[in-house]
Each structure stands twice: as structure tokens, then as C-alpha cells.
Amino acid sequence: MCVGSRGQSLTSRCAAQVSETPLPYLLDLTLRLARGVASFPAERRHRHAQYLLASQRPDGGFAGREGASDLYYTSFALRSMALLGELEGDVAERAGQFLRTRLAGSAAVVDLFSLIFSAQLLHVSTGVEVFDASKADWRRAVAEALESLRRQDGGYAKSAEGAASSTYYTFLAALCLELIEVPLPDRDGVVRFVLSQRRDDGGFVEIRPMRRSGANPTAAAIGLLKTDALSDDLCGEVAEFLADAQTDEGGMRANTRIDVADLLSTFTATLTLADLNRLDAVDAVIDTAAVVRYAESVELTEGGFLGASWDAVSDVEYTFYGLGTLALLSTK
């Protein structure tokens, strides 16, 4: 069970919020994964927790394989630590301090998303407040920044300079707005855009000129559509597309032009099947035992996960994907 420094579990904090209003998608996902991680052997939880704790930088943030702390990797590290019950005490306080130093930073979608979700996760898990000293209208400022990325086709671009809407960045924009409790403008337009990204192979593409679907934009599309436009036919075609993405290694590949699996695509494909309520019958779609073996094959005995079989160095992002994949399948 995930226990925060304020003496209350993540599960009970989330349960209290559920009694008032439905949890945002990402907090609900965190709770789902935490239940799966709770079933892991204590030794597995301990070594991954120690790996993550050792990865925190002196400034309180987390970095990738090189460079300084940044919001993107900090978000993945905090998510993993919440799953393992280690997002508490000094670790959480230091992470909150790092996030506060980035309040006036870049308005890129991925940075906004990482900052807002990390702050929300700290608040729910431990009571640490990141935005307490911010201007009262910070939510409006975030919504306006995201609005500048909305395009005429109903989607959102990666940056203000970007002309093409992106499936993934549209998903991130929608998640940001949900976290700050601002309605998604023109939701019907977003749904139309996402459906326009669907291809004959059963999946979805990242940007419109693409013809070959990918596992990751398909996951983003289903995350956006799962309460709006998921017909039985669409669900079946997506499940078939993801089945074709499984390699002989057991994991999932990003698209059909790539021969090898990776942990990101494996996690997003598994999560998509879960969001489609297909995990109960998933053995008829993919070989779940092989997925577990693949995830375990890139799990390091000293803690952390590699990104793929060809990888040589672990990082906090792929550690989240590894924990998440095993958590999803542990509760199937």
C-alpha cells in the first residue's frame, strides 16, 4: 500500500476524492497500477524503490540518462515512487521544491503536463503543495497556453510553431485540462480529429500524413476516445492491430516497420487493451505470459528497467513502463 508522509495512504486519499468527484484519468491509472504493484514480492518492490531513491538529484528533481533534472523525467520518477509507496517525507518535499523552481518555465505541452501531474500527485499522495504561492489565475494561464496550440482540425499541435495536430499532444492537452478542472474546448472536434487519425490497419497515426499506425499513438487515441466513440468494431480492430504488434520476444513493437519490441510500446499496448476492457480475454489476443517474460527480461537485479533487449542503461522512464506492464498483468 502506498503511504504518504502525512500518514494517509494514496489509496485512501484517492478514495476520499472519488466520493466527491471522479478521479482524473491519470490518478485513476496510478491507483490501478498501485494495486498491481502491491502484489509484487517485497524484494522486487524494495530494489526498484532503492533504484529510484538513488536517482533523485540534489535539486530534488530527476534526470534522464544524462543532463540535468527536468520535468519530464521527474514526472515518471514520482509516478513510479507513488506506485511503490516511496513518495513521502523528504523525497516528496525535495521534489516539490524542484517543481516550484519550474513554475515560470517552458509552456511546451509535455512540460506543462509533467509539472501539473507531478504537482497533483504530490498533493494527493502527501499533501505537498506546489502551486500554493502561484497567482490565483494560474489555471487560466495554463488553459490559455494550451488554447494557443489548438488547430482548426480540432487537435492540438506540439508547439505554437507547429502546424500539424498530433494525436499524442492532443491527448496530453486533454489530460492537462482535466487535471486543472477546465473543460476541454470543443470535445466533439477533438473526437473528430482523433477518429480522422484512424487507419485501415486498425490503429491510429501520430500526424495526418502518416499511413502506418503505431502502438503509442493508438494508445493515446483510445485514451481520448474511451468514453466517447468506442464502437465494438473499433475495439476489435484495435485489439487485432495490437496483437500484430507482438514480436517473438514477447513484447510489442512501435510499428510494423520495426522488428524489435520496446518497453514503452509494450506498456502502452497492454494499457490500451485494459482500457478496452479486453484484458479478461487478452490471452485470445496476445500471449500475456510472453509479455511478462519480456518485461522481466529487461528488469535489472539492482533495480530499474532497460528500454529494450538491445539497451544497456536503465532510466526512470522505462522503470515506470516496466512496473506498469507487470502491474497491469498481475491483476488480469
Foldseek 3Di string as FASTA:
>chain_A
DAAAAVGRALVVLQVVVVVVPNDQPVSVLLVLLLVLLVPDPPLQLVLQLVVLVVQQDPQLAGDWPDDDGALLQRLLSLSSCRSSNNCYDPSVVSNLSNLLVCLPDDLFLSRLLSSLNSQVSSCSRYNDHNCPVPDPCVLVVNLVSQVCQAAPQGAGPRHNPDHWHFLQSSLSSCSSCVSSVHDDPPLVSNLSSLVCQAAPQLAGPTTNVDHWHWLVSRLSSCSSPLVPDDDPVSLVSNLQSQLVQQAPQQAGPGTPVDRFHWLVSRLSSLVSCVSSVNLVVCVVRGPLVSSLVQLVCQADSSHFGAGGPPGDDGTSNSSSSSSNSSSSNSVD
